[in-house]
Amino acid sequence: MSKPVKIGPWGGAGGDERNVQAMPRRLVSVTIHSAEGIDGISFTYVGSDYVQYTEGPWGRTLNTESTITIDPTDYVTEISGTFGTAYDNTIVTSLKIATFNDQYPVTYGTPNGTPFHIPVLNGGKVVGFFGRSGDLLDAIGQEKERMMVNEIVSKLTSECWDKCITGAPGSKFSSGETTCITNCALRFLDMSQLIARKLGGSQ
C-alpha cells in the first residue's frame, strides 16, 4: 500500500500539530464536538497493519457530540467546511464529511469565514486526518489514498483516446494521432503533478 497523500490543512496556526499514529488504510468512524465552531474531533481507523487505532480527541469534548460510523462497504469521499474567528481564535468553524453513500452530509458547527472544499476524485478515498488543536480544533487536513498506477493509466488512456482518436481506429496510429496522444499524456501528467503540489500533497 502506498503512503497516503496529505492535503491541507485549513484553519489557524494555534495549538499543537496532530498526526496519526500509523499509516491509515480505512476510516471506521468520526466523532465531532461542535457548537459555535468545531470544539474537537476524534476518529477511528484501520492502519496498514490491519490494526484499529483511535486518534483524539483533538480539541475539547464539550457541546454537541455527533458520531459518523462508516460501513466497511462505504468510504469518505471529501471533507469541507469553513475556518474563521470563533472564541477569539482562528479555528475550524464548520465541517462536513461526505461519504460515497451520503453525498449530502450534515453541517457541524456554524459556517463562518473562509470555505474549503476538496473532493477526492477518480475513486480515491479519505483515509485519515491531520491538523492542529489546543482547546479547540484549530486546523484540519485530510490524508487521501494515493491513486494507484493502474488507475492513472486507465484515466490517461480514457482521456487521451477520446480526445485523439476521432474515427475508426486502424492497425496503427497515424502520425497526427501519435503526436496528439503523446502531448495529451504529458499534459495530463504535468497537470496531475501541479495539482498535487498546489494542494500540498507530499510525494
Protein backbone atom coordinates (compact mmCIF):
# COMPACT_ATOMS: atom_id res chain seq x y z
CA MET A 1 0.00 0.00 0.00
CA SER A 2 1.36 3.45 -0.97
CA LYS A 3 1.70 6.18 1.64
CA PRO A 4 -1.39 8.43 1.67
CA VAL A 5 -1.14 11.98 0.30
CA LYS A 6 -1.68 14.84 2.75
CA ILE A 7 -3.91 17.69 1.55
CA GLY A 8 -4.25 20.85 3.64
CA PRO A 9 -4.50 21.76 6.42
CA TRP A 10 -7.11 24.52 6.60
CA GLY A 11 -7.54 26.75 9.65
CA GLY A 12 -5.37 28.62 12.10
CA ALA A 13 -1.82 28.19 13.39
CA GLY A 14 -2.70 27.77 17.06
CA GLY A 15 -2.48 24.64 19.15
CA ASP A 16 -0.16 21.70 18.59
CA GLU A 17 0.45 19.64 15.46
CA ARG A 18 -1.65 16.46 15.26
CA ASN A 19 -0.91 13.38 13.17
CA VAL A 20 -1.95 9.73 13.01
CA GLN A 21 -0.01 7.03 14.88
CA ALA A 22 0.08 4.61 11.93
CA MET A 23 -0.36 4.80 8.17
CA PRO A 24 -4.16 4.77 7.69
CA ARG A 25 -5.94 2.36 5.39
CA ARG A 26 -9.66 2.90 6.09
CA LEU A 27 -11.77 5.19 8.27
CA VAL A 28 -14.15 3.41 10.66
CA SER A 29 -15.83 6.34 12.48
CA VAL A 30 -15.52 10.07 13.13
CA THR A 31 -16.79 11.87 16.27
CA ILE A 32 -17.26 15.64 16.19
CA HIS A 33 -17.99 18.01 19.10
CA SER A 34 -19.42 21.32 17.90
CA ALA A 35 -21.34 24.49 18.77
CA GLU A 36 -20.24 27.93 17.54
CA GLY A 37 -17.28 26.18 15.95
CA ILE A 38 -15.69 22.75 15.92
CA ASP A 39 -14.65 22.07 19.50
CA GLY A 40 -12.92 18.79 18.79
CA ILE A 41 -12.65 15.72 16.61
CA SER A 42 -11.66 12.11 17.15
CA PHE A 43 -11.64 9.23 14.71
CA THR A 44 -11.02 5.51 14.47
CA TYR A 45 -9.28 3.92 11.51
CA VAL A 46 -7.71 0.68 10.36
CA GLY A 47 -3.98 1.01 9.75
CA SER A 48 -1.90 -0.55 7.00
CA ASP A 49 -1.07 -3.27 9.55
CA TYR A 50 -4.83 -4.06 9.81
CA VAL A 51 -4.83 -2.94 13.46
CA GLN A 52 -7.56 -0.49 14.59
CA TYR A 53 -6.39 2.85 16.02
CA THR A 54 -8.19 5.81 17.63
CA GLU A 55 -6.89 9.39 17.43
CA GLY A 56 -8.02 12.26 19.61
CA PRO A 57 -9.90 13.94 20.84
CA TRP A 58 -8.10 16.77 19.09
CA GLY A 59 -9.62 19.70 20.97
CA ARG A 60 -12.24 19.51 23.69
CA THR A 61 -15.28 17.28 24.18
CA LEU A 62 -17.88 19.93 25.01
CA ASN A 63 -21.22 20.80 23.44
CA THR A 64 -22.99 18.63 20.85
CA GLU A 65 -21.42 15.25 20.11
CA SER A 66 -22.06 13.55 16.76
CA THR A 67 -20.59 10.29 15.51
CA ILE A 68 -20.41 9.21 11.88
CA THR A 69 -19.99 5.44 11.51
CA ILE A 70 -18.59 4.35 8.15
CA ASP A 71 -19.73 0.96 6.93
CA PRO A 72 -16.98 -1.32 5.52
CA THR A 73 -18.64 -1.03 2.11
CA ASP A 74 -18.63 2.80 2.31
CA TYR A 75 -15.81 5.36 2.36
CA VAL A 76 -15.22 9.10 2.85
CA THR A 77 -15.06 10.99 -0.44
CA GLU A 78 -14.39 14.52 0.82
CA ILE A 79 -14.33 16.90 3.74
CA SER A 80 -15.42 20.52 3.50
CA GLY A 81 -16.25 23.38 5.82
CA THR A 82 -15.12 26.83 6.91
CA PHE A 83 -12.46 28.35 9.10
CA GLY A 84 -12.60 31.75 10.73
CA THR A 85 -12.78 33.57 14.04
CA ALA A 86 -14.61 31.98 16.95
CA TYR A 87 -13.85 32.16 20.66
CA ASP A 88 -11.27 34.87 19.73
CA ASN A 89 -9.16 32.41 17.71
CA THR A 90 -8.89 31.28 14.10
CA ILE A 91 -10.31 27.77 14.14
CA VAL A 92 -12.31 25.35 12.04
CA THR A 93 -15.81 26.82 12.40
CA SER A 94 -17.79 24.20 10.47
CA LEU A 95 -17.22 20.78 9.00
CA LYS A 96 -18.99 18.36 6.65
CA ILE A 97 -17.89 14.81 5.89
CA ALA A 98 -19.31 13.23 2.75
CA THR A 99 -19.18 9.50 2.00
CA PHE A 100 -19.85 7.55 -1.17
CA ASN A 101 -23.27 6.59 0.19
CA ASP A 102 -24.06 10.01 1.70
CA GLN A 103 -23.36 12.86 -0.71
CA TYR A 104 -25.41 15.40 1.31
CA PRO A 105 -23.85 15.37 4.78
CA VAL A 106 -24.88 17.28 7.90
CA THR A 107 -23.05 20.54 8.67
CA TYR A 108 -21.40 20.52 12.08
CA GLY A 109 -20.57 23.83 13.79
CA THR A 110 -21.52 27.23 12.39
CA PRO A 111 -20.42 28.16 8.83
CA ASN A 112 -18.37 31.33 9.26
CA GLY A 113 -15.28 32.60 7.46
CA THR A 114 -13.31 31.10 4.59
CA PRO A 115 -14.74 27.99 2.93
CA PHE A 116 -12.69 24.96 1.92
CA HIS A 117 -13.88 22.09 -0.25
CA ILE A 118 -11.59 19.47 -1.75
CA PRO A 119 -13.27 16.36 -3.19
CA VAL A 120 -11.24 13.21 -3.76
CA LEU A 121 -11.53 12.33 -7.44
CA ASN A 122 -11.24 9.16 -9.51
CA GLY A 123 -12.46 6.77 -6.83
CA GLY A 124 -9.97 7.98 -4.23
CA LYS A 125 -10.74 7.80 -0.51
CA VAL A 126 -10.08 9.95 2.56
CA VAL A 127 -8.44 7.52 4.98
CA GLY A 128 -7.43 9.82 7.85
CA PHE A 129 -6.87 13.35 9.10
CA PHE A 130 -4.12 15.60 10.43
CA GLY A 131 -4.14 19.15 11.77
CA ARG A 132 -3.66 21.33 14.83
CA SER A 133 -5.52 21.60 18.12
CA GLY A 134 -5.35 23.02 21.60
CA ASP A 135 -8.59 23.70 23.44
CA LEU A 136 -10.35 23.69 20.02
CA LEU A 137 -9.79 22.26 16.56
CA ASP A 138 -7.50 24.92 15.08
CA ALA A 139 -6.89 23.29 11.69
CA ILE A 140 -7.69 20.11 9.79
CA GLY A 141 -6.35 18.38 6.69
CA GLN A 142 -7.11 15.09 5.01
CA GLU A 143 -5.00 12.08 4.14
CA LYS A 144 -6.16 10.57 0.86
CA GLU A 145 -5.38 7.20 -0.58
CA ARG A 146 -2.83 7.65 -3.34
CA MET A 147 -4.11 6.79 -6.81
CA MET A 148 -2.58 3.53 -7.91
CA VAL A 149 -0.59 3.25 -11.16
CA ASN A 150 -3.25 1.19 -12.95
CA GLU A 151 -5.89 3.82 -12.11
CA ILE A 152 -3.66 6.56 -13.54
CA VAL A 153 -3.08 4.57 -16.73
CA SER A 154 -6.81 3.87 -17.07
CA LYS A 155 -7.71 7.55 -16.61
CA LEU A 156 -4.97 8.70 -19.00
CA THR A 157 -6.00 6.15 -21.66
CA SER A 158 -9.66 7.16 -21.49
CA GLU A 159 -8.96 10.91 -21.63
CA CYS A 160 -6.43 10.76 -24.47
CA TRP A 161 -8.29 8.15 -26.56
CA ASP A 162 -11.47 10.24 -26.58
CA LYS A 163 -9.51 13.37 -27.47
CA CYS A 164 -7.18 11.99 -30.15
CA ILE A 165 -8.93 9.05 -31.85
CA THR A 166 -11.88 10.59 -33.64
CA GLY A 167 -12.60 7.91 -36.25
CA ALA A 168 -12.46 4.13 -36.50
CA PRO A 169 -9.01 3.01 -35.25
CA GLY A 170 -6.72 1.44 -37.83
CA SER A 171 -3.99 -1.17 -37.39
CA LYS A 172 -1.66 1.57 -36.17
CA PHE A 173 -1.85 5.22 -35.12
CA SER A 174 -1.34 7.95 -37.68
CA SER A 175 1.45 10.46 -37.08
CA GLY A 176 -1.14 13.05 -36.03
CA GLU A 177 -2.77 10.64 -33.58
CA THR A 178 0.62 9.67 -32.14
CA THR A 179 1.57 13.33 -31.61
CA CYS A 180 -1.82 14.10 -30.06
CA ILE A 181 -1.65 11.14 -27.65
CA THR A 182 1.91 12.00 -26.61
CA ASN A 183 1.04 15.64 -25.93
CA CYS A 184 -2.17 14.66 -24.11
CA ALA A 185 -0.31 12.22 -21.84
CA LEU A 186 2.37 14.78 -20.99
CA ARG A 187 -0.25 17.46 -20.22
CA PHE A 188 -2.21 15.01 -18.04
CA LEU A 189 0.87 14.03 -16.01
CA ASP A 190 2.09 17.65 -15.71
CA MET A 191 -1.35 18.80 -14.51
CA SER A 192 -1.60 15.91 -12.01
CA GLN A 193 1.76 16.90 -10.51
CA LEU A 194 0.81 20.60 -10.45
CA ILE A 195 -2.48 19.89 -8.65
CA ALA A 196 -0.72 17.66 -6.11
CA ARG A 197 1.80 20.42 -5.34
CA LYS A 198 -0.90 23.11 -5.11
CA LEU A 199 -2.96 21.01 -2.69
CA GLY A 200 0.07 20.40 -0.50
CA GLY A 201 0.36 16.71 -1.35
CA SER A 202 3.67 15.08 -0.42
CA GLN A 203 5.23 12.77 -2.97
